[in-house]
N, C-alpha and C. Protein backbone atom coordinates (compact mmCIF):
# COMPACT_ATOMS: atom_id res chain seq x y z
N MET A 1 87.23 137.11 75.47
CA MET A 1 86.86 135.71 75.74
C MET A 1 87.79 134.75 75.01
N ILE A 2 88.11 135.15 73.74
CA ILE A 2 88.99 134.27 72.95
C ILE A 2 90.35 134.17 73.59
N LYS A 3 90.84 135.31 74.13
CA LYS A 3 92.14 135.27 74.80
C LYS A 3 92.11 134.32 76.01
N ALA A 4 91.02 134.35 76.72
CA ALA A 4 90.89 133.48 77.89
C ALA A 4 90.86 132.02 77.47
N LEU A 5 90.13 131.73 76.38
CA LEU A 5 90.08 130.34 75.90
C LEU A 5 91.43 129.89 75.39
N ALA A 6 92.13 130.82 74.72
CA ALA A 6 93.46 130.48 74.23
C ALA A 6 94.39 130.15 75.38
N ALA A 7 94.29 130.93 76.44
CA ALA A 7 95.13 130.67 77.62
C ALA A 7 94.82 129.31 78.21
N THR A 8 93.53 128.96 78.26
CA THR A 8 93.14 127.65 78.78
C THR A 8 93.72 126.53 77.94
N ALA A 9 93.62 126.71 76.61
CA ALA A 9 94.13 125.67 75.71
C ALA A 9 95.63 125.52 75.83
N VAL A 10 96.35 126.66 75.91
CA VAL A 10 97.81 126.60 76.03
C VAL A 10 98.20 125.95 77.33
N ALA A 11 97.52 126.32 78.42
CA ALA A 11 97.84 125.73 79.73
C ALA A 11 97.60 124.23 79.71
N GLY A 12 96.51 123.82 79.09
CA GLY A 12 96.22 122.39 79.01
C GLY A 12 97.28 121.65 78.25
N CYS A 13 97.76 122.25 77.15
CA CYS A 13 98.80 121.60 76.35
C CYS A 13 100.11 121.52 77.10
N MET A 14 100.43 122.61 77.85
CA MET A 14 101.69 122.63 78.58
C MET A 14 101.75 121.54 79.63
N PHE A 15 100.60 121.30 80.27
CA PHE A 15 100.60 120.33 81.36
C PHE A 15 100.06 118.97 80.92
N ALA A 16 99.83 118.79 79.63
CA ALA A 16 99.33 117.51 79.14
C ALA A 16 100.33 116.41 79.44
N ALA A 17 99.85 115.30 79.94
CA ALA A 17 100.71 114.18 80.29
C ALA A 17 99.90 112.90 80.18
N PRO A 18 100.58 111.76 80.20
CA PRO A 18 99.84 110.51 80.16
C PRO A 18 98.84 110.44 81.29
N ALA A 19 97.75 109.74 81.07
CA ALA A 19 96.70 109.64 82.07
C ALA A 19 97.22 109.04 83.36
N ALA A 20 96.80 109.62 84.48
CA ALA A 20 97.18 109.09 85.78
C ALA A 20 95.94 108.52 86.44
N ASN A 21 95.80 107.21 86.43
CA ASN A 21 94.64 106.56 87.01
C ASN A 21 94.98 106.13 88.43
N ALA A 22 94.49 106.86 89.40
CA ALA A 22 94.78 106.53 90.78
C ALA A 22 93.88 105.38 91.21
N ILE A 23 94.49 104.27 91.55
CA ILE A 23 93.76 103.10 92.02
C ILE A 23 93.76 103.12 93.54
N THR A 24 92.59 103.16 94.13
CA THR A 24 92.47 103.18 95.58
C THR A 24 92.33 101.77 96.12
N PHE A 25 93.17 101.43 97.07
CA PHE A 25 93.10 100.15 97.77
C PHE A 25 92.69 100.41 99.21
N THR A 26 91.59 99.84 99.62
CA THR A 26 91.10 100.02 100.98
C THR A 26 90.99 98.66 101.66
N ILE A 27 91.70 98.51 102.78
CA ILE A 27 91.67 97.26 103.56
C ILE A 27 91.03 97.58 104.90
N THR A 28 89.93 96.92 105.18
CA THR A 28 89.17 97.24 106.39
C THR A 28 89.49 96.33 107.57
N GLY A 29 90.21 95.25 107.35
CA GLY A 29 90.52 94.34 108.45
C GLY A 29 91.44 93.23 108.02
N GLY A 30 91.97 92.51 109.00
CA GLY A 30 92.85 91.39 108.73
C GLY A 30 92.79 90.38 109.85
N SER A 31 93.11 89.13 109.53
CA SER A 31 93.08 88.07 110.55
C SER A 31 94.06 86.96 110.19
N PHE A 32 94.48 86.22 111.20
CA PHE A 32 95.32 85.04 111.03
C PHE A 32 94.50 83.78 111.24
N ALA A 33 94.86 82.72 110.53
CA ALA A 33 94.33 81.39 110.80
C ALA A 33 95.50 80.43 110.75
N ALA A 34 95.72 79.69 111.84
CA ALA A 34 96.87 78.79 111.93
C ALA A 34 96.42 77.34 111.89
N GLU A 35 97.29 76.47 111.36
CA GLU A 35 96.99 75.04 111.35
C GLU A 35 97.01 74.48 112.78
N ASN A 36 96.68 73.21 112.91
CA ASN A 36 96.45 72.63 114.24
C ASN A 36 97.72 72.23 114.98
N GLY A 37 98.89 72.62 114.45
CA GLY A 37 100.12 72.29 115.15
C GLY A 37 100.46 73.27 116.26
N TYR A 38 99.63 74.29 116.43
CA TYR A 38 99.90 75.31 117.44
C TYR A 38 99.00 75.12 118.66
N GLY A 39 99.53 75.48 119.82
CA GLY A 39 98.77 75.37 121.05
C GLY A 39 99.69 75.28 122.25
N THR A 40 99.13 74.88 123.37
CA THR A 40 99.92 74.77 124.60
C THR A 40 100.02 73.32 125.08
N GLY A 41 99.55 72.37 124.28
CA GLY A 41 99.65 70.96 124.66
C GLY A 41 101.06 70.42 124.48
N ASN A 42 101.24 69.15 124.87
CA ASN A 42 102.57 68.53 124.83
C ASN A 42 103.15 68.45 123.42
N ASN A 43 102.29 68.30 122.41
CA ASN A 43 102.78 68.16 121.04
C ASN A 43 102.52 69.40 120.19
N ASP A 44 102.22 70.50 120.85
CA ASP A 44 101.90 71.74 120.14
C ASP A 44 103.01 72.77 120.30
N LEU A 45 103.17 73.58 119.27
CA LEU A 45 104.14 74.68 119.34
C LEU A 45 103.41 75.91 119.88
N ASP A 46 103.98 76.50 120.93
CA ASP A 46 103.33 77.62 121.60
C ASP A 46 103.67 78.94 120.89
N VAL A 47 102.86 79.25 119.88
CA VAL A 47 102.98 80.51 119.14
C VAL A 47 101.59 81.12 119.07
N THR A 48 101.48 82.42 119.30
CA THR A 48 100.18 83.07 119.23
C THR A 48 100.16 84.09 118.09
N PHE A 49 98.97 84.30 117.55
CA PHE A 49 98.77 85.20 116.42
C PHE A 49 97.63 86.16 116.76
N SER A 50 97.88 87.45 116.59
CA SER A 50 96.85 88.42 116.94
C SER A 50 96.87 89.60 115.97
N THR A 51 95.67 90.11 115.66
CA THR A 51 95.56 91.35 114.89
C THR A 51 94.82 92.41 115.71
N ALA A 52 94.63 92.14 116.99
CA ALA A 52 93.91 93.09 117.86
C ALA A 52 94.65 94.43 117.91
N GLY A 53 93.93 95.50 117.66
CA GLY A 53 94.50 96.83 117.71
C GLY A 53 95.16 97.29 116.42
N TYR A 54 95.31 96.38 115.47
CA TYR A 54 95.98 96.73 114.21
C TYR A 54 94.99 97.20 113.13
N TRP A 55 93.70 96.99 113.36
CA TRP A 55 92.71 97.33 112.34
C TRP A 55 91.57 98.16 112.92
N ASN A 56 91.93 99.07 113.82
CA ASN A 56 90.92 99.96 114.37
C ASN A 56 90.39 100.92 113.31
N THR A 57 91.23 101.22 112.33
CA THR A 57 90.82 102.05 111.19
C THR A 57 91.26 101.36 109.91
N SER A 58 90.57 101.67 108.83
CA SER A 58 90.93 101.09 107.54
C SER A 58 92.28 101.63 107.06
N LYS A 59 92.96 100.82 106.27
CA LYS A 59 94.21 101.26 105.66
C LYS A 59 93.90 101.57 104.19
N VAL A 60 94.22 102.80 103.77
CA VAL A 60 93.88 103.26 102.42
C VAL A 60 95.16 103.67 101.70
N PHE A 61 95.32 103.15 100.48
CA PHE A 61 96.50 103.47 99.67
C PHE A 61 96.05 103.83 98.26
N ASN A 62 96.77 104.76 97.63
CA ASN A 62 96.53 105.12 96.24
C ASN A 62 97.78 104.85 95.42
N LEU A 63 97.66 104.02 94.40
CA LEU A 63 98.77 103.70 93.52
C LEU A 63 98.41 104.13 92.10
N THR A 64 99.37 104.72 91.40
CA THR A 64 99.07 105.27 90.08
C THR A 64 99.87 104.66 88.95
N THR A 65 101.02 104.08 89.24
CA THR A 65 101.87 103.57 88.16
C THR A 65 102.22 102.10 88.40
N VAL A 66 102.47 101.40 87.32
CA VAL A 66 102.83 99.99 87.39
C VAL A 66 104.14 99.83 88.16
N ASN A 67 104.19 98.84 89.02
CA ASN A 67 105.33 98.51 89.90
C ASN A 67 105.46 99.45 91.10
N GLN A 68 104.55 100.39 91.24
CA GLN A 68 104.55 101.23 92.44
C GLN A 68 104.10 100.40 93.64
N GLN A 69 104.75 100.63 94.78
CA GLN A 69 104.44 99.87 95.99
C GLN A 69 103.92 100.79 97.09
N THR A 70 103.13 100.23 97.98
CA THR A 70 102.78 100.95 99.20
C THR A 70 103.96 100.85 100.16
N SER A 71 103.95 101.66 101.17
CA SER A 71 104.90 101.47 102.26
C SER A 71 104.51 100.21 103.03
N LEU A 72 105.44 99.66 103.78
CA LEU A 72 105.11 98.52 104.62
C LEU A 72 104.08 98.95 105.67
N PHE A 73 103.06 98.13 105.88
CA PHE A 73 102.07 98.45 106.91
C PHE A 73 101.91 97.26 107.85
N ASN A 74 101.54 97.56 109.09
CA ASN A 74 101.42 96.52 110.12
C ASN A 74 100.14 95.73 109.95
N PHE A 75 100.29 94.41 109.99
CA PHE A 75 99.14 93.52 109.84
C PHE A 75 98.72 92.91 111.18
N GLY A 76 99.69 92.48 111.99
CA GLY A 76 99.38 91.84 113.26
C GLY A 76 100.64 91.53 114.04
N LEU A 77 100.49 90.75 115.09
CA LEU A 77 101.60 90.42 115.98
C LEU A 77 101.69 88.90 116.13
N ILE A 78 102.92 88.37 115.99
CA ILE A 78 103.17 86.94 116.17
C ILE A 78 104.16 86.78 117.32
N THR A 79 103.82 85.93 118.27
CA THR A 79 104.65 85.76 119.46
C THR A 79 105.06 84.31 119.63
N LEU A 80 106.38 84.08 119.69
CA LEU A 80 106.92 82.75 120.00
C LEU A 80 107.08 82.65 121.51
N ARG A 81 106.29 81.74 122.14
CA ARG A 81 106.33 81.59 123.59
C ARG A 81 106.94 80.27 124.03
N GLU A 82 107.17 79.37 123.08
CA GLU A 82 107.75 78.06 123.37
C GLU A 82 109.16 78.24 123.94
N ASP A 83 109.50 77.43 124.96
CA ASP A 83 110.86 77.53 125.52
C ASP A 83 111.78 76.41 125.06
N ASN A 84 111.19 75.30 124.62
CA ASN A 84 112.01 74.18 124.15
C ASN A 84 111.22 73.42 123.08
N ILE A 85 111.71 73.42 121.86
CA ILE A 85 110.97 72.83 120.74
C ILE A 85 111.38 71.37 120.56
N SER A 86 110.40 70.48 120.66
CA SER A 86 110.65 69.06 120.44
C SER A 86 110.26 68.68 119.02
N GLN A 87 110.70 67.50 118.60
CA GLN A 87 110.40 67.05 117.25
C GLN A 87 108.89 66.95 117.00
N SER A 88 108.16 66.57 118.03
CA SER A 88 106.70 66.40 117.88
C SER A 88 105.98 67.73 117.70
N GLU A 89 106.69 68.84 117.89
CA GLU A 89 106.07 70.16 117.77
C GLU A 89 106.41 70.86 116.45
N THR A 90 106.93 70.12 115.49
CA THR A 90 107.41 70.76 114.26
C THR A 90 106.50 70.53 113.04
N GLY A 91 105.34 69.91 113.24
CA GLY A 91 104.45 69.64 112.11
C GLY A 91 103.18 70.47 112.12
N SER A 92 102.54 70.57 110.96
CA SER A 92 101.26 71.28 110.79
C SER A 92 101.35 72.71 111.29
N LEU A 93 102.30 73.45 110.73
CA LEU A 93 102.56 74.81 111.22
C LEU A 93 102.22 75.89 110.19
N GLY A 94 101.47 75.57 109.16
CA GLY A 94 101.10 76.56 108.16
C GLY A 94 100.23 77.66 108.72
N ILE A 95 100.26 78.81 108.06
CA ILE A 95 99.49 79.98 108.51
C ILE A 95 98.84 80.63 107.29
N THR A 96 97.63 81.14 107.48
CA THR A 96 96.95 81.91 106.45
C THR A 96 96.62 83.29 107.01
N ALA A 97 96.90 84.32 106.21
CA ALA A 97 96.53 85.68 106.57
C ALA A 97 95.42 86.13 105.62
N THR A 98 94.37 86.71 106.17
CA THR A 98 93.24 87.17 105.36
C THR A 98 93.13 88.69 105.44
N PHE A 99 93.05 89.32 104.27
CA PHE A 99 92.85 90.77 104.15
C PHE A 99 91.42 91.02 103.68
N ASN A 100 90.73 91.92 104.32
CA ASN A 100 89.37 92.27 103.89
C ASN A 100 89.40 93.57 103.10
N PHE A 101 89.27 93.45 101.77
CA PHE A 101 89.33 94.61 100.88
C PHE A 101 87.92 95.11 100.57
N THR A 102 87.78 96.42 100.41
CA THR A 102 86.59 96.98 99.78
C THR A 102 86.97 97.53 98.40
N ASN A 103 87.96 98.39 98.32
CA ASN A 103 88.49 98.84 97.04
C ASN A 103 89.75 98.05 96.72
N PRO A 104 90.01 97.74 95.47
CA PRO A 104 89.37 98.24 94.25
C PRO A 104 88.29 97.31 93.68
N PHE A 105 87.57 96.64 94.54
CA PHE A 105 86.54 95.70 94.09
C PHE A 105 85.15 96.31 94.24
N ALA A 106 84.21 95.73 93.52
CA ALA A 106 82.84 96.25 93.56
C ALA A 106 82.16 95.93 94.89
N THR A 107 82.57 94.84 95.54
CA THR A 107 82.00 94.47 96.83
C THR A 107 83.13 94.10 97.79
N SER A 108 82.81 93.99 99.06
CA SER A 108 83.79 93.59 100.06
C SER A 108 84.36 92.22 99.69
N THR A 109 85.70 92.14 99.65
CA THR A 109 86.36 90.93 99.14
C THR A 109 87.46 90.47 100.08
N PRO A 110 87.37 89.25 100.64
CA PRO A 110 88.47 88.73 101.45
C PRO A 110 89.53 88.10 100.54
N LEU A 111 90.79 88.41 100.80
CA LEU A 111 91.90 87.85 100.04
C LEU A 111 92.88 87.21 101.01
N THR A 112 93.40 86.05 100.64
CA THR A 112 94.27 85.32 101.56
C THR A 112 95.70 85.22 101.03
N VAL A 113 96.63 85.18 101.96
CA VAL A 113 98.04 84.92 101.68
C VAL A 113 98.45 83.77 102.58
N THR A 114 99.12 82.77 102.01
CA THR A 114 99.52 81.60 102.79
C THR A 114 101.04 81.50 102.87
N THR A 115 101.49 80.73 103.83
CA THR A 115 102.94 80.53 103.99
C THR A 115 103.45 79.52 102.97
N SER A 116 104.67 79.77 102.50
CA SER A 116 105.34 78.82 101.60
C SER A 116 106.17 77.83 102.41
N GLY A 117 106.45 78.16 103.64
CA GLY A 117 107.20 77.27 104.51
C GLY A 117 107.31 77.83 105.91
N VAL A 118 107.07 76.98 106.92
CA VAL A 118 107.24 77.36 108.32
C VAL A 118 108.08 76.28 108.97
N ILE A 119 109.17 76.69 109.60
CA ILE A 119 110.10 75.72 110.20
C ILE A 119 110.30 76.04 111.66
N ALA A 120 110.15 75.02 112.51
CA ALA A 120 110.50 75.13 113.93
C ALA A 120 111.71 74.23 114.16
N TYR A 121 112.80 74.80 114.68
CA TYR A 121 114.04 74.06 114.88
C TYR A 121 114.08 73.50 116.29
N THR A 122 114.35 72.22 116.40
CA THR A 122 114.31 71.57 117.72
C THR A 122 115.43 72.08 118.62
N GLY A 123 115.12 72.08 119.92
CA GLY A 123 116.11 72.49 120.91
C GLY A 123 115.61 73.67 121.73
N PRO A 124 116.42 74.10 122.70
CA PRO A 124 116.03 75.23 123.55
C PRO A 124 115.88 76.50 122.72
N VAL A 125 114.89 77.30 123.08
CA VAL A 125 114.66 78.55 122.35
C VAL A 125 115.55 79.66 122.90
N ASN A 126 115.54 79.87 124.21
CA ASN A 126 116.40 80.88 124.81
C ASN A 126 117.75 80.27 125.15
N ASP A 127 118.50 79.95 124.11
CA ASP A 127 119.81 79.32 124.27
C ASP A 127 120.88 80.39 124.21
N CYS A 128 121.26 80.89 125.38
CA CYS A 128 122.18 82.02 125.42
C CYS A 128 123.55 81.70 124.83
N PHE A 129 124.00 80.46 124.96
CA PHE A 129 125.29 80.09 124.41
C PHE A 129 125.30 80.28 122.89
N LEU A 130 124.25 79.76 122.24
CA LEU A 130 124.16 79.92 120.78
C LEU A 130 123.96 81.38 120.40
N CYS A 131 123.22 82.12 121.21
CA CYS A 131 122.98 83.53 120.89
C CYS A 131 124.27 84.33 120.91
N ILE A 132 125.17 83.98 121.81
CA ILE A 132 126.43 84.71 121.93
C ILE A 132 127.30 84.46 120.69
N PHE A 133 127.40 83.20 120.28
CA PHE A 133 128.30 82.85 119.18
C PHE A 133 127.62 82.88 117.82
N ASN A 134 126.31 82.91 117.80
CA ASN A 134 125.58 82.96 116.53
C ASN A 134 124.29 83.75 116.73
N PRO A 135 124.39 85.09 116.67
CA PRO A 135 123.20 85.92 116.91
C PRO A 135 122.08 85.65 115.91
N ASP A 136 122.42 85.07 114.77
CA ASP A 136 121.41 84.80 113.75
C ASP A 136 120.80 83.41 113.87
N ALA A 137 121.12 82.70 114.94
CA ALA A 137 120.53 81.37 115.13
C ALA A 137 119.01 81.48 115.17
N VAL A 138 118.35 80.66 114.36
CA VAL A 138 116.90 80.75 114.21
C VAL A 138 116.22 79.59 114.91
N ASP A 139 115.17 79.87 115.69
CA ASP A 139 114.39 78.83 116.34
C ASP A 139 113.08 78.56 115.59
N TYR A 140 112.54 79.60 114.98
CA TYR A 140 111.24 79.48 114.32
C TYR A 140 111.23 80.47 113.16
N LYS A 141 110.86 79.99 111.98
CA LYS A 141 110.94 80.81 110.77
C LYS A 141 109.65 80.72 109.97
N ILE A 142 109.17 81.88 109.49
CA ILE A 142 107.95 81.95 108.69
C ILE A 142 108.28 82.56 107.34
N ASP A 143 108.05 81.82 106.26
CA ASP A 143 108.20 82.34 104.91
C ASP A 143 106.83 82.39 104.24
N TRP A 144 106.52 83.53 103.63
CA TRP A 144 105.23 83.73 102.99
C TRP A 144 105.34 83.65 101.48
N ALA A 145 104.29 83.16 100.83
CA ALA A 145 104.22 83.14 99.37
C ALA A 145 103.43 84.36 98.91
N PRO A 146 103.97 85.19 98.01
CA PRO A 146 103.21 86.36 97.52
C PRO A 146 101.92 85.90 96.85
N SER A 147 100.90 86.74 96.92
CA SER A 147 99.62 86.44 96.31
C SER A 147 99.31 87.49 95.25
N THR A 148 99.04 87.05 94.00
CA THR A 148 98.71 87.96 92.91
C THR A 148 97.21 87.96 92.68
N VAL A 149 96.64 89.15 92.55
CA VAL A 149 95.18 89.31 92.50
C VAL A 149 94.79 90.12 91.26
N ASP A 150 93.76 89.67 90.54
CA ASP A 150 93.21 90.41 89.41
C ASP A 150 92.05 91.27 89.87
N PHE A 151 91.90 92.44 89.26
CA PHE A 151 90.75 93.29 89.55
C PHE A 151 90.40 94.12 88.32
N GLY A 152 89.15 94.53 88.26
CA GLY A 152 88.71 95.35 87.13
C GLY A 152 88.94 94.63 85.81
N ALA A 153 89.19 95.43 84.76
CA ALA A 153 89.42 94.88 83.42
C ALA A 153 90.91 94.89 83.13
N GLY A 154 91.59 93.85 83.57
CA GLY A 154 93.02 93.73 83.31
C GLY A 154 93.92 94.24 84.40
N GLY A 155 93.35 94.76 85.50
CA GLY A 155 94.17 95.23 86.60
C GLY A 155 94.74 94.07 87.40
N LYS A 156 95.90 94.30 88.00
CA LYS A 156 96.54 93.22 88.76
C LYS A 156 97.42 93.84 89.84
N PHE A 157 97.39 93.25 91.04
CA PHE A 157 98.30 93.68 92.09
C PHE A 157 98.76 92.47 92.90
N ARG A 158 99.81 92.70 93.69
CA ARG A 158 100.40 91.62 94.50
C ARG A 158 100.41 92.01 95.97
N ILE A 159 100.14 91.02 96.82
CA ILE A 159 100.25 91.20 98.27
C ILE A 159 101.48 90.44 98.74
N ASP A 160 102.38 91.13 99.40
CA ASP A 160 103.58 90.51 99.97
C ASP A 160 103.56 90.64 101.48
N MET A 161 103.85 89.54 102.15
CA MET A 161 104.02 89.55 103.61
C MET A 161 105.51 89.41 103.91
N THR A 162 105.97 90.13 104.91
CA THR A 162 107.38 90.08 105.28
C THR A 162 107.69 88.76 106.00
N ASP A 163 108.73 88.06 105.54
CA ASP A 163 109.16 86.83 106.21
C ASP A 163 109.72 87.17 107.59
N LEU A 164 109.50 86.27 108.55
CA LEU A 164 109.94 86.51 109.93
C LEU A 164 110.83 85.39 110.42
N SER A 165 111.81 85.75 111.26
CA SER A 165 112.68 84.77 111.90
C SER A 165 112.78 85.10 113.39
N PHE A 166 112.57 84.09 114.24
CA PHE A 166 112.62 84.25 115.69
C PHE A 166 113.86 83.52 116.21
N ASN A 167 114.68 84.19 117.00
CA ASN A 167 115.85 83.51 117.60
C ASN A 167 115.79 83.51 119.12
N GLN A 168 114.61 83.79 119.65
CA GLN A 168 114.36 83.71 121.09
C GLN A 168 112.86 83.86 121.31
N GLN A 169 112.44 83.73 122.57
CA GLN A 169 111.05 84.02 122.87
C GLN A 169 110.83 85.51 122.66
N GLU A 170 110.01 85.85 121.69
CA GLU A 170 109.82 87.27 121.36
C GLU A 170 108.56 87.47 120.55
N SER A 171 108.13 88.73 120.45
CA SER A 171 106.99 89.12 119.63
C SER A 171 107.50 89.95 118.47
N LEU A 172 107.08 89.60 117.26
CA LEU A 172 107.47 90.34 116.06
C LEU A 172 106.22 90.82 115.34
N THR A 173 106.28 92.06 114.85
CA THR A 173 105.16 92.63 114.10
C THR A 173 105.20 92.10 112.67
N GLN A 174 104.09 91.53 112.25
CA GLN A 174 103.96 91.06 110.87
C GLN A 174 103.56 92.24 109.98
N THR A 175 104.37 92.51 108.96
CA THR A 175 104.08 93.61 108.05
C THR A 175 103.77 93.08 106.65
N ALA A 176 103.19 93.96 105.84
CA ALA A 176 102.81 93.58 104.47
C ALA A 176 102.92 94.81 103.59
N ARG A 177 102.82 94.59 102.26
CA ARG A 177 102.78 95.70 101.32
C ARG A 177 102.08 95.26 100.05
N LEU A 178 101.58 96.23 99.29
CA LEU A 178 100.93 95.98 98.02
C LEU A 178 101.78 96.54 96.89
N THR A 179 101.77 95.86 95.74
CA THR A 179 102.46 96.32 94.54
C THR A 179 101.48 96.29 93.38
N LEU A 180 101.35 97.41 92.68
CA LEU A 180 100.47 97.48 91.51
C LEU A 180 101.22 96.90 90.31
N LEU A 181 100.70 95.82 89.74
CA LEU A 181 101.38 95.13 88.63
C LEU A 181 100.84 95.53 87.26
N ALA A 182 99.56 95.87 87.18
CA ALA A 182 98.96 96.28 85.91
C ALA A 182 97.75 97.15 86.18
N LEU A 183 97.61 98.20 85.38
CA LEU A 183 96.46 99.09 85.50
C LEU A 183 95.28 98.49 84.75
N PRO A 184 94.07 98.67 85.26
CA PRO A 184 92.89 98.20 84.52
C PRO A 184 92.67 99.07 83.29
N SER A 185 92.11 98.49 82.25
CA SER A 185 91.80 99.26 81.06
C SER A 185 90.65 100.20 81.35
N GLU A 186 90.40 101.14 80.44
CA GLU A 186 89.33 102.12 80.66
C GLU A 186 88.02 101.39 80.86
N GLY A 187 87.31 101.79 81.88
CA GLY A 187 86.07 101.09 82.23
C GLY A 187 86.28 100.11 83.36
N GLY A 188 87.58 99.83 83.69
CA GLY A 188 87.86 98.96 84.82
C GLY A 188 87.69 99.73 86.11
N ASN A 189 87.75 99.01 87.23
CA ASN A 189 87.52 99.65 88.52
C ASN A 189 88.74 100.45 88.93
N GLY A 190 88.54 101.63 89.40
CA GLY A 190 89.63 102.50 89.83
C GLY A 190 89.14 103.93 89.83
N ASN A 191 89.75 104.76 90.65
CA ASN A 191 89.33 106.16 90.72
C ASN A 191 90.21 106.98 89.80
N ALA A 192 89.68 107.37 88.66
CA ALA A 192 90.49 108.04 87.65
C ALA A 192 90.71 109.51 88.01
N VAL A 193 91.95 109.95 87.84
CA VAL A 193 92.27 111.36 87.97
C VAL A 193 92.07 112.01 86.61
N PRO A 194 91.38 113.15 86.49
CA PRO A 194 91.14 113.77 85.19
C PRO A 194 92.43 113.98 84.42
N GLU A 195 92.41 113.70 83.13
CA GLU A 195 93.59 113.84 82.30
C GLU A 195 93.79 115.29 81.88
N PRO A 196 95.03 115.81 81.98
CA PRO A 196 95.30 117.16 81.50
C PRO A 196 95.00 117.32 80.02
N THR A 197 95.18 116.25 79.22
CA THR A 197 94.91 116.34 77.79
C THR A 197 93.45 116.66 77.52
N THR A 198 92.58 116.21 78.42
CA THR A 198 91.15 116.51 78.26
C THR A 198 90.92 118.01 78.35
N VAL A 199 91.61 118.66 79.28
CA VAL A 199 91.49 120.11 79.43
C VAL A 199 91.98 120.82 78.18
N ALA A 200 93.11 120.32 77.64
CA ALA A 200 93.67 120.95 76.44
C ALA A 200 92.73 120.83 75.26
N LEU A 201 92.18 119.65 75.04
CA LEU A 201 91.27 119.44 73.91
C LEU A 201 90.01 120.28 74.05
N LEU A 202 89.49 120.36 75.28
CA LEU A 202 88.31 121.17 75.52
C LEU A 202 88.58 122.63 75.21
N GLY A 203 89.73 123.12 75.66
CA GLY A 203 90.10 124.50 75.41
C GLY A 203 90.25 124.81 73.94
N LEU A 204 90.91 123.90 73.22
CA LEU A 204 91.10 124.09 71.78
C LEU A 204 89.77 124.07 71.05
N GLY A 205 88.87 123.18 71.46
CA GLY A 205 87.57 123.10 70.83
C GLY A 205 86.78 124.38 71.02
N LEU A 206 86.77 124.89 72.24
CA LEU A 206 86.06 126.14 72.51
C LEU A 206 86.68 127.31 71.77
N LEU A 207 88.02 127.30 71.69
CA LEU A 207 88.71 128.36 70.97
C LEU A 207 88.32 128.37 69.50
N GLY A 208 88.28 127.18 68.90
CA GLY A 208 87.89 127.09 67.49
C GLY A 208 86.45 127.53 67.28
N PHE A 209 85.58 127.15 68.20
CA PHE A 209 84.17 127.52 68.09
C PHE A 209 84.00 129.03 68.18
N ALA A 210 84.70 129.65 69.12
CA ALA A 210 84.59 131.10 69.30
C ALA A 210 85.15 131.84 68.09
N ALA A 211 86.25 131.33 67.53
CA ALA A 211 86.87 131.99 66.37
C ALA A 211 85.94 131.93 65.18
N SER A 212 85.26 130.79 64.98
CA SER A 212 84.36 130.65 63.85
C SER A 212 83.16 131.59 63.98
N ARG A 213 82.66 131.75 65.17
CA ARG A 213 81.53 132.66 65.39
C ARG A 213 81.95 134.11 65.16
N ARG A 214 83.15 134.45 65.56
CA ARG A 214 83.63 135.82 65.36
C ARG A 214 83.80 136.12 63.88
N LYS A 215 84.31 135.13 63.15
CA LYS A 215 84.48 135.30 61.70
C LYS A 215 83.15 135.47 61.01
N ALA A 216 82.16 134.67 61.45
CA ALA A 216 80.82 134.77 60.85
C ALA A 216 80.18 136.11 61.16
N ALA A 217 80.46 136.66 62.30
CA ALA A 217 79.85 137.94 62.70
C ALA A 217 80.41 139.08 61.87
N LYS A 218 81.64 138.96 61.39
CA LYS A 218 82.24 140.02 60.59
C LYS A 218 81.67 140.09 59.16
N LYS A 219 81.08 138.98 58.68
CA LYS A 219 80.59 138.94 57.31
C LYS A 219 79.32 139.76 57.16
């Protein structure tokens, strides 16, 4: 028995490493909300926002170390349908994206990300002449401001949305990603992975206990 306990203790020590606290992030849905500058009227910019089909299942990510990021994931679809942008169609174009989180919070929590700037450039959208000589000519541009969120006891993460540029009538997939900025302290919310050091200490404790009993039995 002592040999078995010794093996357990040695194995625990060999694989002992800093604690790996896996933080689970679960997003159950997402939606867009646009300001009143969008629409199909004479003074509205014809852009549509949809998340239909993008949230049929929850998106689940596990992050364990500070500055670790998720892969880019699809949030929704934005479509520029305007054919000619006038000056009257360039105002009130802000957008808000809402993420519905369950983890790592105690209850379902909506979190929002807003745009830092949205620009619609006046003139024809499908301007083939400009496209030929300047493939990067932009008709409509969306820049997002990252959102930093606190959770648990000292935990922190960031939501980033990918900036988009449209140079013709087209549909672009809006993507996002999460970055873990700080781990919560012990007792904070998160799914902890058992520490190898715990196994080592347990093994050593049992080994010492067994050795003391064996010594007492010999007396």
